[in-house]
Protein backbone atom coordinates (compact mmCIF):
# COMPACT_ATOMS: atom_id res chain seq x y z
CA MET A 1 19.96 -138.09 -21.20
CA GLN A 2 16.46 -137.13 -20.07
CA GLN A 3 16.59 -134.94 -17.00
CA PRO A 4 14.52 -135.77 -13.93
CA GLN A 5 12.74 -132.88 -12.35
CA VAL A 6 14.95 -132.82 -9.26
CA ILE A 7 18.17 -134.57 -8.23
CA ALA A 8 19.28 -134.95 -4.62
CA VAL A 9 22.86 -135.92 -3.72
CA VAL A 10 22.72 -137.13 -0.13
CA GLY A 11 24.66 -139.01 2.51
CA PRO A 12 26.93 -138.47 5.51
CA THR A 13 29.47 -135.70 5.75
CA ALA A 14 32.88 -136.00 4.07
CA THR A 15 31.69 -138.38 1.34
CA GLY A 16 32.22 -136.04 -1.63
CA LYS A 17 28.65 -134.85 -2.18
CA SER A 18 29.56 -131.25 -2.97
CA ASP A 19 31.98 -132.21 -5.74
CA LEU A 20 29.54 -134.67 -7.30
CA GLY A 21 26.78 -132.08 -7.16
CA VAL A 22 28.88 -129.62 -9.15
CA VAL A 23 29.78 -132.26 -11.74
CA LEU A 24 26.14 -133.30 -12.15
CA ALA A 25 24.93 -129.72 -12.44
CA ARG A 26 27.54 -129.02 -15.12
CA GLU A 27 26.60 -132.22 -16.95
CA LEU A 28 22.89 -131.39 -16.94
CA GLY A 29 23.02 -127.62 -17.28
CA GLY A 30 21.59 -127.50 -13.78
CA GLU A 31 22.17 -125.44 -10.68
CA VAL A 32 23.04 -126.50 -7.13
CA VAL A 33 20.69 -125.92 -4.19
CA ASN A 34 22.38 -126.17 -0.80
CA ALA A 35 20.81 -128.61 1.67
CA ASP A 36 23.42 -128.31 4.42
CA SER A 37 21.82 -126.50 7.34
CA MET A 38 25.06 -124.81 8.45
CA GLN A 39 26.15 -123.62 5.02
CA LEU A 40 23.15 -121.28 5.04
CA TYR A 41 25.06 -119.13 7.54
CA ARG A 42 27.20 -116.23 6.37
CA GLY A 43 30.83 -116.49 7.36
CA MET A 44 30.71 -120.13 8.37
CA ASP A 45 32.97 -121.30 5.59
CA VAL A 46 35.94 -123.27 6.92
CA GLY A 47 34.03 -125.29 9.49
CA THR A 48 31.28 -126.28 7.05
CA ALA A 49 33.64 -127.14 4.17
CA LYS A 50 31.77 -124.69 1.97
CA LEU A 51 33.02 -124.82 -1.62
CA THR A 52 35.03 -121.82 -2.72
CA GLU A 53 34.00 -119.86 -5.81
CA ALA A 54 36.73 -121.63 -7.78
CA GLU A 55 35.55 -125.06 -6.63
CA ARG A 56 32.01 -124.29 -7.81
CA LEU A 57 33.31 -124.21 -11.42
CA GLY A 58 30.99 -121.39 -12.39
CA ILE A 59 27.86 -123.37 -11.44
CA PRO A 60 25.28 -121.18 -9.65
CA HIS A 61 24.80 -122.22 -6.03
CA HIS A 62 21.64 -121.26 -4.16
CA LEU A 63 20.94 -120.95 -0.42
CA LEU A 64 24.50 -120.35 0.68
CA ASP A 65 25.22 -117.43 3.04
CA VAL A 66 21.55 -116.64 3.62
CA TRP A 67 21.34 -116.08 7.39
CA ASP A 68 23.29 -114.18 10.03
CA VAL A 69 24.85 -116.50 12.60
CA THR A 70 22.44 -115.20 15.25
CA HIS A 71 19.45 -116.43 13.25
CA THR A 72 17.67 -119.50 14.65
CA ALA A 73 17.18 -121.88 11.75
CA THR A 74 14.13 -124.09 11.28
CA ALA A 75 13.29 -126.75 8.75
CA ALA A 76 10.00 -124.97 8.10
CA GLU A 77 11.79 -121.78 7.03
CA TYR A 78 14.22 -123.75 4.90
CA GLN A 79 11.25 -125.47 3.26
CA GLN A 80 9.90 -122.12 2.07
CA LEU A 81 13.28 -120.93 0.82
CA ALA A 82 14.16 -124.17 -0.95
CA ARG A 83 10.81 -124.62 -2.66
CA ALA A 84 10.89 -121.06 -3.98
CA VAL A 85 14.29 -121.76 -5.56
CA ILE A 86 13.30 -125.20 -6.88
CA ASP A 87 10.06 -123.88 -8.38
CA ASP A 88 11.93 -121.05 -10.10
CA LEU A 89 14.56 -123.41 -11.55
CA LEU A 90 11.94 -125.85 -12.81
CA ALA A 91 9.95 -123.03 -14.36
CA ARG A 92 13.10 -121.98 -16.25
CA GLY A 93 13.76 -125.56 -17.40
CA VAL A 94 16.82 -125.87 -15.16
CA THR A 95 17.52 -129.04 -13.17
CA PRO A 96 17.79 -128.37 -9.42
CA VAL A 97 20.57 -130.44 -7.83
CA LEU A 98 20.07 -130.46 -4.08
CA VAL A 99 23.26 -131.31 -2.21
CA GLY A 100 23.65 -131.88 1.51
CA GLY A 101 23.55 -134.12 4.51
CA SER A 102 20.83 -132.41 6.56
CA GLY A 103 18.18 -135.11 6.31
CA LEU A 104 15.28 -133.18 7.75
CA TYR A 105 15.99 -130.19 5.52
CA LEU A 106 16.04 -132.41 2.45
CA ARG A 107 12.75 -134.00 3.41
CA ALA A 108 11.27 -130.59 4.20
CA ALA A 109 12.10 -129.40 0.70
CA LEU A 110 11.28 -132.51 -1.29
CA ASP A 111 8.51 -134.31 0.62
CA ASP A 112 5.02 -133.33 1.68
CA LEU A 113 5.86 -132.44 5.27
CA GLU A 114 3.93 -129.93 7.33
CA PHE A 115 5.52 -128.31 10.36
CA PRO A 116 3.67 -127.20 13.49
CA GLY A 117 3.78 -123.51 14.27
CA THR A 118 5.94 -121.82 16.88
CA ASP A 119 5.38 -119.56 19.87
CA PRO A 120 8.25 -117.10 20.46
CA ALA A 121 7.45 -116.60 24.15
CA LEU A 122 7.27 -120.33 24.86
CA ARG A 123 10.42 -120.96 22.81
CA ALA A 124 12.30 -118.29 24.77
CA GLU A 125 11.14 -119.80 28.05
CA LEU A 126 12.33 -123.27 27.02
CA GLU A 127 15.64 -121.91 25.72
CA ALA A 128 16.21 -120.17 29.05
CA GLU A 129 15.48 -123.40 30.88
CA LEU A 130 17.90 -125.23 28.62
CA ALA A 131 20.63 -122.68 29.31
CA GLU A 132 20.10 -122.87 33.06
CA TYR A 133 19.53 -126.58 33.62
CA GLY A 134 20.88 -128.34 30.53
CA PRO A 135 19.25 -130.78 28.10
CA LEU A 136 18.84 -133.80 30.39
CA ARG A 137 16.24 -132.09 32.57
CA LEU A 138 14.27 -130.99 29.50
CA HIS A 139 14.51 -134.49 28.05
CA GLN A 140 13.01 -135.90 31.25
CA ARG A 141 10.18 -133.39 30.98
CA LEU A 142 9.57 -134.39 27.37
CA ALA A 143 9.58 -138.08 28.33
CA GLY A 144 6.80 -137.38 30.82
CA LEU A 145 4.70 -135.65 28.16
CA SER A 146 5.54 -137.75 25.09
CA PRO A 147 7.64 -140.88 25.74
CA ASP A 148 7.67 -141.74 22.03
CA ALA A 149 9.05 -138.34 21.04
CA ALA A 150 11.69 -138.51 23.77
CA SER A 151 12.81 -141.95 22.61
CA ARG A 152 13.53 -140.60 19.12
CA MET A 153 16.16 -138.05 20.15
CA GLU A 154 19.39 -138.01 22.08
CA PRO A 155 19.06 -136.67 25.65
CA THR A 156 21.96 -134.30 24.93
CA ASN A 157 20.42 -132.67 21.83
CA GLY A 158 19.06 -129.60 23.55
CA ARG A 159 17.80 -127.83 20.46
CA ARG A 160 15.73 -130.78 19.23
CA ILE A 161 14.33 -131.32 22.72
CA VAL A 162 13.30 -127.68 23.00
CA ARG A 163 11.50 -127.86 19.66
CA ALA A 164 9.77 -131.13 20.60
CA LEU A 165 8.63 -129.67 23.90
CA GLU A 166 7.35 -126.57 22.14
CA VAL A 167 5.30 -128.67 19.71
CA VAL A 168 3.92 -130.93 22.45
CA LEU A 169 2.99 -128.01 24.67
CA LEU A 170 1.35 -126.14 21.79
CA THR A 171 -0.49 -129.01 20.12
CA GLY A 172 -0.70 -131.73 22.74
CA SER A 173 1.26 -134.25 20.67
CA MET A 174 4.39 -134.72 18.61
CA PRO A 175 4.24 -135.89 14.98
CA GLY A 176 5.32 -139.49 14.69
CA ALA A 177 8.48 -140.86 13.12
CA MET A 178 8.60 -139.92 9.44
CA THR A 179 8.22 -143.36 7.93
CA ALA A 180 6.05 -142.34 4.95
CA TYR A 181 7.76 -140.90 1.89
CA ASP A 182 5.25 -138.74 0.03
CA ALA A 183 7.11 -136.75 -2.60
CA HIS A 184 6.38 -133.10 -3.25
CA TYR A 185 8.63 -133.23 -6.34
CA PRO A 186 9.57 -136.27 -8.43
CA THR A 187 13.18 -136.72 -7.34
CA THR A 188 16.09 -139.01 -8.10
CA TYR A 189 18.15 -139.61 -4.97
CA LEU A 190 21.85 -140.44 -5.30
CA GLY A 191 23.60 -141.54 -2.13
CA LEU A 192 27.28 -141.45 -1.20
CA ASP A 193 28.82 -143.33 1.71
CA ARG A 194 32.32 -144.54 2.47
CA PRO A 195 33.62 -147.25 4.82
CA GLU A 196 36.59 -145.12 5.88
CA LEU A 197 34.58 -142.11 7.04
CA ALA A 198 36.09 -142.03 10.53
CA GLU A 199 39.52 -141.45 9.01
CA ARG A 200 38.17 -138.99 6.44
CA THR A 201 36.32 -136.92 9.04
CA ASP A 202 39.38 -136.83 11.32
CA LEU A 203 41.44 -135.54 8.40
CA ARG A 204 38.74 -133.01 7.59
CA VAL A 205 38.80 -131.68 11.15
CA ASP A 206 42.59 -131.38 11.05
CA ARG A 207 42.32 -129.55 7.73
CA MET A 208 39.72 -127.18 9.17
CA TRP A 209 42.10 -126.25 11.95
CA GLN A 210 44.93 -125.73 9.45
CA GLN A 211 42.71 -123.56 7.25
CA GLY A 212 41.84 -121.23 10.11
CA LEU A 213 38.73 -122.49 11.91
CA VAL A 214 39.80 -120.93 15.20
CA GLU A 215 40.35 -117.57 13.52
CA GLU A 216 36.98 -117.88 11.76
CA VAL A 217 35.21 -118.51 15.07
CA ARG A 218 37.00 -115.59 16.72
CA ARG A 219 35.96 -113.30 13.89
CA LEU A 220 32.34 -114.47 13.90
CA GLU A 221 32.13 -114.05 17.65
CA ARG A 222 33.71 -110.59 17.53
CA ASP A 223 31.94 -109.20 14.47
CA ALA A 224 28.67 -111.14 14.26
CA GLY A 225 27.85 -112.35 17.78
CA LEU A 226 28.22 -116.07 17.05
CA ARG A 227 27.75 -117.02 20.68
CA GLY A 228 24.24 -115.62 20.59
CA GLY A 229 23.20 -117.89 17.73
CA VAL A 230 21.15 -120.76 19.07
CA THR A 231 21.79 -122.89 15.98
CA ALA A 232 25.11 -121.69 14.60
CA SER A 233 26.98 -121.64 17.90
CA ARG A 234 26.35 -125.36 18.32
CA ALA A 235 27.58 -126.39 14.87
CA LEU A 236 30.30 -129.02 14.69
CA GLY A 237 33.64 -127.38 15.38
CA TYR A 238 32.17 -124.00 16.23
CA GLY A 239 30.78 -125.05 19.59
CA GLN A 240 34.04 -126.80 20.47
CA VAL A 241 36.16 -123.78 19.51
CA LEU A 242 33.90 -121.47 21.52
CA ALA A 243 34.39 -123.76 24.52
CA MET A 244 38.15 -123.60 23.92
CA LEU A 245 38.05 -119.82 23.83
CA ASP A 246 36.16 -119.93 27.14
CA GLY A 247 38.94 -122.02 28.65
CA THR A 248 36.92 -125.25 28.91
CA TRP A 249 39.41 -127.10 26.69
CA ASP A 250 42.85 -126.50 25.32
CA GLU A 251 43.26 -126.64 21.55
CA PRO A 252 44.16 -130.37 21.24
CA ALA A 253 41.16 -131.28 23.42
CA ALA A 254 38.82 -129.07 21.38
CA ARG A 255 40.06 -130.65 18.17
CA ALA A 256 39.65 -134.15 19.61
CA ALA A 257 36.14 -133.32 20.83
CA THR A 258 35.24 -132.08 17.34
CA LYS A 259 36.41 -135.37 15.84
CA VAL A 260 34.34 -137.39 18.32
CA ALA A 261 31.25 -135.24 17.72
CA THR A 262 31.69 -135.48 13.94
CA ARG A 263 31.95 -139.27 14.03
CA ARG A 264 28.78 -139.39 16.14
CA PHE A 265 27.04 -137.08 13.67
CA VAL A 266 28.07 -139.31 10.76
CA ARG A 267 26.49 -142.31 12.48
CA ARG A 268 23.22 -140.42 12.85
CA GLN A 269 23.31 -139.27 9.23
CA ARG A 270 24.04 -142.80 8.02
CA ALA A 271 21.13 -144.22 10.02
CA TRP A 272 18.79 -141.51 8.70
CA PHE A 273 19.62 -141.95 5.02
CA ARG A 274 19.84 -145.75 5.10
CA ARG A 275 16.17 -145.83 6.13
CA ASP A 276 15.11 -144.05 2.94
CA PRO A 277 14.29 -146.69 0.30
CA ARG A 278 14.41 -144.17 -2.55
CA ILE A 279 18.15 -143.59 -2.42
CA HIS A 280 20.35 -145.18 -5.08
CA TRP A 281 23.68 -145.78 -3.36
CA LEU A 282 26.65 -145.26 -5.66
CA ASP A 283 29.86 -147.25 -5.50
CA VAL A 284 32.40 -144.66 -4.36
CA GLY A 285 35.20 -146.85 -5.74
CA GLY A 286 33.85 -146.51 -9.28
CA ASP A 287 33.02 -143.80 -11.78
CA LEU A 288 30.43 -141.73 -9.93
CA LEU A 289 29.31 -139.75 -12.95
CA ALA A 290 28.80 -142.90 -15.04
CA GLN A 291 26.77 -144.47 -12.25
CA ALA A 292 24.72 -141.31 -11.87
CA ARG A 293 24.04 -141.23 -15.60
CA HIS A 294 22.75 -144.80 -15.37
CA ARG A 295 20.40 -143.91 -12.52
CA LEU A 296 19.10 -140.83 -14.33
CA VAL A 297 18.06 -142.75 -17.42
CA PRO A 298 14.28 -143.28 -17.19
């Protein structure tokens, strides 16, 4: 089988991407490059369903456990990290297998996207406003400056709104919807989706609780200052457990809220990836490796 330069295994959460990525990397003599924004954080293992060393089957995995939980992640920074890894693998004749459901991170790595700069003072000011007044007020402000940008994000997504406001205030405009697909690397995209994802994600959340998510959050808050992480503290499950520890919810309510938030996240992921015409969607009821082999034949 002739190897493409880059393979990307994409799709919503809980579809089996990580396992397929390992199998493909082993088949091709490749290595896995993480494209899940939360798996870049050290110590966030249970809540992100990070593969254990045993589950990785000896396949090298890159861009796991890169950042402290207090680090504020950006797609622009991930772009630099991912391209350095991809370029190194390609130079060594190794197939990079990107695996993850963070659509913007995948596009940052694999497409010709340029990201506006940042201003730490302005970002801090907007973050403080978000903390004091909440996302709806900032969303209204964004709508007054850039109605199109405001229409493309949920009014409750404070972090995205802060970034959009920062870009608009710095540059006067917000880049439009990313409807053009200009590849930085020739890539074969393999997509996984499942009709029963609501049930699968509910089971995943229950499993996370059983495997010690609450204890993981307690430890990260105590030892690493999780609550101070703008990005990590809002990750699925982590934000809900922090609210539980604050007394906002009891444990059943926090678990239920995590399930609701995860199902909402899956819908957003599905909408994002279904727009991309380059993705070859695999039949999850069939032999995934055989289907992948077929798609990788030039």
